[in-house]
Structures are given as C-alpha cells and as structure tokens.
Protein backbone atom coordinates (compact mmCIF):
# COMPACT_ATOMS: atom_id res chain seq x y z
CA UNK A 1 -2.40 22.90 0.90
CA UNK A 2 -4.73 19.98 1.69
CA UNK A 3 -8.09 19.70 -0.04
CA UNK A 4 -9.34 17.13 2.40
CA UNK A 5 -12.90 16.97 1.16
CA UNK A 6 -12.24 16.39 -2.53
CA UNK A 7 -13.04 12.90 -3.73
CA UNK A 8 -9.93 11.59 -5.46
CA UNK A 9 -10.82 10.83 -9.07
CA UNK A 10 -12.74 7.54 -9.01
CA UNK A 11 -11.18 6.14 -5.81
CA UNK A 12 -14.20 5.69 -3.57
CA UNK A 13 -13.08 3.40 -0.74
CA UNK A 14 -11.31 5.61 1.75
CA UNK A 15 -10.37 3.74 4.92
CA UNK A 16 -10.35 0.04 5.67
CA UNK A 17 -11.24 -1.57 8.96
CA UNK A 18 -8.95 -3.94 10.80
CA UNK A 19 -10.77 -6.88 9.21
CA UNK A 20 -10.20 -5.46 5.71
CA UNK A 21 -13.79 -4.31 5.22
CA UNK A 22 -14.50 -0.69 4.24
CA UNK A 23 -16.04 1.68 6.76
CA UNK A 24 -19.52 2.87 5.87
CA UNK A 25 -20.03 6.58 5.19
CA UNK A 26 -21.85 7.28 8.46
CA UNK A 27 -18.72 6.40 10.42
CA UNK A 28 -16.85 9.41 8.98
CA UNK A 29 -17.51 12.94 10.19
CA UNK A 30 -15.94 16.41 10.24
CA UNK A 31 -16.09 18.96 13.06
CA UNK A 32 -15.23 22.64 13.43
CA UNK A 33 -12.85 23.25 16.37
CA UNK A 34 -13.79 26.87 16.90
CA UNK A 35 -11.34 27.54 19.73
CA UNK A 36 -8.29 26.52 17.67
CA UNK A 37 -9.66 27.42 14.22
CA UNK A 38 -9.08 23.86 13.03
CA UNK A 39 -11.20 21.24 11.32
CA UNK A 40 -11.15 17.71 12.73
CA UNK A 41 -11.71 14.47 10.82
CA UNK A 42 -13.33 11.76 12.95
CA UNK A 43 -13.83 8.05 12.39
CA UNK A 44 -16.32 6.30 14.68
CA UNK A 45 -16.19 9.37 16.90
CA UNK A 46 -12.40 9.27 17.28
CA UNK A 47 -9.99 11.81 15.80
CA UNK A 48 -8.26 10.73 12.59
CA UNK A 49 -6.56 14.00 11.66
CA UNK A 50 -6.75 17.76 12.14
CA UNK A 51 -6.16 20.55 9.62
CA UNK A 52 -6.05 24.31 9.91
CA UNK A 53 -8.94 26.08 8.22
CA UNK A 54 -6.46 28.54 6.70
CA UNK A 55 -4.69 25.67 4.92
CA UNK A 56 -7.82 24.26 3.29
CA UNK A 57 -9.11 25.37 -0.09
CA UNK A 58 -12.41 24.83 -1.80
CA UNK A 59 -12.38 23.27 -5.25
CA UNK A 60 -12.23 26.68 -6.94
CA UNK A 61 -9.18 27.66 -4.86
CA UNK A 62 -11.00 30.02 -2.50
CA UNK A 63 -10.48 29.74 1.30
CA UNK A 64 -12.71 27.04 2.78
CA UNK A 65 -12.98 28.85 6.12
CA UNK A 66 -15.05 31.64 4.55
CA UNK A 67 -18.11 29.37 4.53
CA UNK A 68 -17.51 26.79 7.26
CA UNK A 69 -21.08 25.35 7.55
CA UNK A 70 -21.27 24.64 3.82
CA UNK A 71 -17.79 23.11 3.78
CA UNK A 72 -18.56 20.85 6.75
CA UNK A 73 -21.78 19.70 5.09
CA UNK A 74 -19.85 18.97 1.90
CA UNK A 75 -17.15 17.10 3.85
CA UNK A 76 -19.73 14.90 5.54
CA UNK A 77 -21.22 13.99 2.17
CA UNK A 78 -17.89 12.71 0.81
CA UNK A 79 -15.60 9.80 1.45
CA UNK A 80 -12.16 10.51 2.88
CA UNK A 81 -9.63 10.32 0.00
CA UNK A 82 -7.40 7.29 -0.31
CA UNK A 83 -3.65 7.56 0.21
CA UNK A 84 -2.38 8.07 -3.34
CA UNK A 85 1.36 7.68 -2.86
CA UNK A 86 3.66 5.02 -1.46
CA UNK A 87 7.34 4.64 -0.68
CA UNK A 88 9.46 1.49 -0.59
CA UNK A 89 13.07 1.26 0.54
CA UNK A 90 15.73 -1.40 0.88
CA UNK A 91 16.46 -3.68 3.81
CA UNK A 92 19.05 -5.58 1.72
CA UNK A 93 22.62 -4.25 1.48
CA UNK A 94 24.37 -7.52 0.56
CA UNK A 95 22.91 -8.80 -2.72
CA UNK A 96 25.41 -8.53 -5.58
CA UNK A 97 23.83 -6.50 -8.38
CA UNK A 98 26.80 -6.79 -10.77
CA UNK A 99 26.09 -10.30 -12.03
CA UNK A 100 27.08 -9.78 -15.65
CA UNK A 101 23.58 -9.99 -17.07
CA UNK A 102 23.02 -8.32 -20.43
CA UNK A 103 19.33 -7.51 -19.92
CA UNK A 104 17.65 -5.62 -17.10
CA UNK A 105 15.06 -8.35 -16.50
CA UNK A 106 17.74 -10.86 -15.39
CA UNK A 107 18.68 -8.98 -12.20
CA UNK A 108 16.18 -7.09 -10.04
CA UNK A 109 17.13 -4.62 -7.30
CA UNK A 110 15.84 -5.50 -3.79
CA UNK A 111 14.63 -1.96 -3.13
CA UNK A 112 11.13 -2.86 -1.85
CA UNK A 113 12.14 -4.61 1.37
CA UNK A 114 10.59 -1.92 3.58
CA UNK A 115 7.18 -0.35 2.99
CA UNK A 116 8.06 2.98 4.54
CA UNK A 117 4.87 4.79 3.43
CA UNK A 118 1.73 2.74 2.95
CA UNK A 119 -1.03 3.39 0.43
CA UNK A 120 -4.46 2.07 -0.47
CA UNK A 121 -3.41 1.87 -4.10
CA UNK A 122 0.02 0.18 -4.04
CA UNK A 123 1.07 -3.14 -2.49
CA UNK A 124 4.50 -4.50 -1.65
CA UNK A 125 4.79 -7.97 -3.25
CA UNK A 126 8.32 -8.92 -2.16
CA UNK A 127 11.77 -7.34 -1.70
CA UNK A 128 11.98 -6.54 -5.43
CA UNK A 129 8.41 -5.92 -6.59
CA UNK A 130 5.44 -3.63 -5.91
CA UNK A 131 1.93 -3.83 -7.38
CA UNK A 132 -0.69 -1.31 -8.54
CA UNK A 133 -4.26 -2.02 -7.42
CA UNK A 134 -6.19 0.26 -9.78
CA UNK A 135 -6.52 1.42 -13.39
CA UNK A 136 -4.91 4.77 -14.17
CA UNK A 137 -1.53 6.45 -14.52
CA UNK A 138 1.42 6.62 -12.13
CA UNK A 139 4.75 8.36 -11.67
CA UNK A 140 7.70 6.33 -10.36
CA UNK A 141 10.84 7.93 -8.90
CA UNK A 142 13.83 5.71 -8.12
CA UNK A 143 16.99 6.49 -6.15
CA UNK A 144 19.64 3.80 -5.63
CA UNK A 145 22.69 4.29 -3.41
CA UNK A 146 25.45 1.93 -4.63
CA UNK A 147 28.90 0.87 -3.46
CA UNK A 148 31.68 -1.31 -4.87
CA UNK A 149 35.35 -2.05 -4.30
CA UNK A 150 35.87 -2.50 -8.05
CA UNK A 151 37.79 -0.06 -10.23
CA UNK A 152 35.54 1.61 -12.82
CA UNK A 153 32.48 -0.35 -11.80
CA UNK A 154 29.42 1.04 -13.65
CA UNK A 155 25.74 0.06 -13.48
CA UNK A 156 22.54 0.94 -15.37
CA UNK A 157 18.89 0.61 -14.33
CA UNK A 158 15.49 0.56 -16.05
CA UNK A 159 11.93 -0.19 -14.93
CA UNK A 160 10.59 -3.70 -15.51
CA UNK A 161 6.82 -4.27 -15.86
CA UNK A 162 5.34 -7.58 -14.64
CA UNK A 163 8.73 -9.03 -13.57
CA UNK A 164 7.10 -12.15 -12.06
CA UNK A 165 5.09 -12.89 -15.21
CA UNK A 166 6.17 -11.92 -18.72
CA UNK A 167 8.65 -9.11 -18.00
CA UNK A 168 9.09 -6.10 -20.27
CA UNK A 169 11.44 -3.15 -19.85
CA UNK A 170 10.12 0.36 -20.34
CA UNK A 171 10.99 3.99 -19.75
CA UNK A 172 14.36 5.74 -19.46
CA UNK A 173 17.71 4.13 -18.76
CA UNK A 174 19.71 5.62 -15.89
CA UNK A 175 23.44 5.27 -16.44
CA UNK A 176 25.12 7.39 -13.76
CA UNK A 177 26.27 4.56 -11.47
CA UNK A 178 30.00 4.95 -12.14
CA UNK A 179 32.40 4.14 -9.27
CA UNK A 180 36.05 5.09 -9.79
CA UNK A 181 37.33 3.49 -6.56
CA UNK A 182 40.25 5.86 -6.15
CA UNK A 183 40.88 8.65 -3.62
CA UNK A 184 37.87 7.47 -1.62
CA UNK A 185 35.35 7.33 -4.49
CA UNK A 186 33.59 4.02 -3.69
CA UNK A 187 29.93 5.07 -3.98
CA UNK A 188 27.54 6.42 -6.61
CA UNK A 189 23.81 6.70 -7.21
CA UNK A 190 21.29 5.96 -9.94
CA UNK A 191 18.09 7.97 -10.43
CA UNK A 192 15.15 7.81 -12.80
CA UNK A 193 11.60 9.12 -13.15
CA UNK A 194 9.03 7.26 -15.21
CA UNK A 195 5.36 7.99 -16.00
CA UNK A 196 3.24 5.11 -17.28
CA UNK A 197 -0.29 3.75 -17.47
CA UNK A 198 -1.27 0.83 -15.25
CA UNK A 199 -4.00 -1.75 -14.93
CA UNK A 200 -5.29 -3.61 -11.88
CA UNK A 201 -2.54 -5.97 -10.68
CA UNK A 202 0.33 -4.60 -12.79
CA UNK A 203 3.65 -5.18 -11.02
CA UNK A 204 6.93 -3.29 -11.31
CA UNK A 205 10.57 -3.74 -10.31
CA UNK A 206 13.89 -2.01 -10.96
CA UNK A 207 16.10 -3.99 -13.31
CA UNK A 208 19.88 -3.49 -13.23
CA UNK A 209 22.75 -4.52 -15.51
CA UNK A 210 26.52 -4.14 -15.84
CA UNK A 211 27.69 -1.33 -18.11
CA UNK A 212 31.48 -1.71 -17.79
CA UNK A 213 33.58 -4.88 -17.97
CA UNK A 214 34.35 -4.74 -14.25
CA UNK A 215 32.91 -7.82 -12.52
CA UNK A 216 33.52 -6.80 -8.88
CA UNK A 217 30.47 -7.09 -6.64
CA UNK A 218 28.22 -4.04 -6.36
CA UNK A 219 25.57 -3.71 -3.65
CA UNK A 220 23.18 -1.18 -2.19
CA UNK A 221 25.20 0.82 0.35
CA UNK A 222 23.10 0.87 3.54
CA UNK A 223 19.60 -0.28 4.52
CA UNK A 224 16.83 2.27 3.93
CA UNK A 225 18.99 4.60 1.78
CA UNK A 226 17.69 3.43 -1.60
CA UNK A 227 14.03 3.94 -2.41
CA UNK A 228 11.13 3.94 -4.85
CA UNK A 229 8.47 6.63 -4.48
CA UNK A 230 5.31 6.08 -6.51
CA UNK A 231 2.12 8.10 -6.77
CA UNK A 232 -1.10 8.09 -8.73
CA UNK A 233 -1.56 10.78 -11.36
CA UNK A 234 -5.09 9.84 -12.47
C-alpha cells in the first residue's frame, strides 16, 4: 500500500521542472476528494496522482483515513518522494555476446538500450551502462533472454562496477545460459540478484563470458525481453 506522505530516507528533491530545476514546496499540495473517498496530489494546481484513502497508511501502519485533516496537513509539510526504482531493457538483438573473452569486463551486454521506467536516482548512460546518482545501497535484478544456433552454447554473467573507468566484477555468477540446440531448444535465460553499496556516480553493467568451447554467435533474443530492474534500499 502506498505511503505517499513519507519522506524517502534522505532524498529531498521530489519532482523536477522541465528546465531541470526543482519545484519549490509551495507548488505541491494534497486534497481530500470527499465524494470519491480519494486523496489527490497536485502540482501547481494540476493533478499529479490520486490514491484511495483506504490504501494509505500512516507511519505506524494505522489507516490514514481515520484522521484525514492531520494527514493532509502532514502531506502538505513534506516533499513528494522520489521515484526509487528504475528499469532498463534491450533494444539490441544482434550483438554477438559469445566473443571468447575470458573475463566478464571484456564483453558487456547491451541491456540498457531502453529506459522503460524512469527514476530520479538512476540514469541510463548508454546501451550497456546505468549510473547511480546518490549514496546508499541498491538491489539489482537481471534477466537476459538468449538465443544461439550453436550446439551446447553456454554463457555466464556477472555485474561489473564502473565499466567505463576501472572495471571490477562483483556479486554472484549466473551460469544457467545453456543452449542445447536440439529438438527446438535454441533459447535460454540468465538471472541474477545483487545487493551492493553505491556512491554518487557509480556505474554498472552486465558482463558476459563464454563458458563452453562453442564459439557460435549468441545474442539477446528479441528487443525489450531482457532487462535490469534496480531499486534503492537505503
């Protein structure tokens, strides 16, 4: 259930204007829609979003609608929380990922081509890389949808920190990308979840390497079917 009036940790800037400047507090307001039993969030007098009172909790977990005037006053005293999660997916389905490299940092997966869910805290750098714009801790979830015409093609992935600077691998290795290429088995997937601390400007990419001796090309299967989801933990 949404807790729309809770300030998110130390993230204070909530919404940015079209020129990139933050809105001042007096341009955000909350209103009780009595007829529909909803609460409306307004920016410069225009509706931003609407929530049901029954879906909103106070910080102690009690129903917010039990004391609407106090909740509205509290809402108006806060900044609207930033968007704490992002999602990136692939536009590339042609790059060969089976290049024979022995280290993950030598081949990056172009899984950030599409910024399919935007966030105030994460930035798409290029088709391979995204960036964190805060200090804290994040969780990264990766899903890659692979295809190859090779027999016993097999791939592994691992997260790469600062791939455009001095790259370092970290976190778990996913090693489930086996493709038998018989009786119609020409696809597989690779998945991993990684929790790590970040600093302002840290960048991340998915590194991939060949596990088997098969050198047949391996690519992402279709556009927008492989993805990275990332969200702030603190």
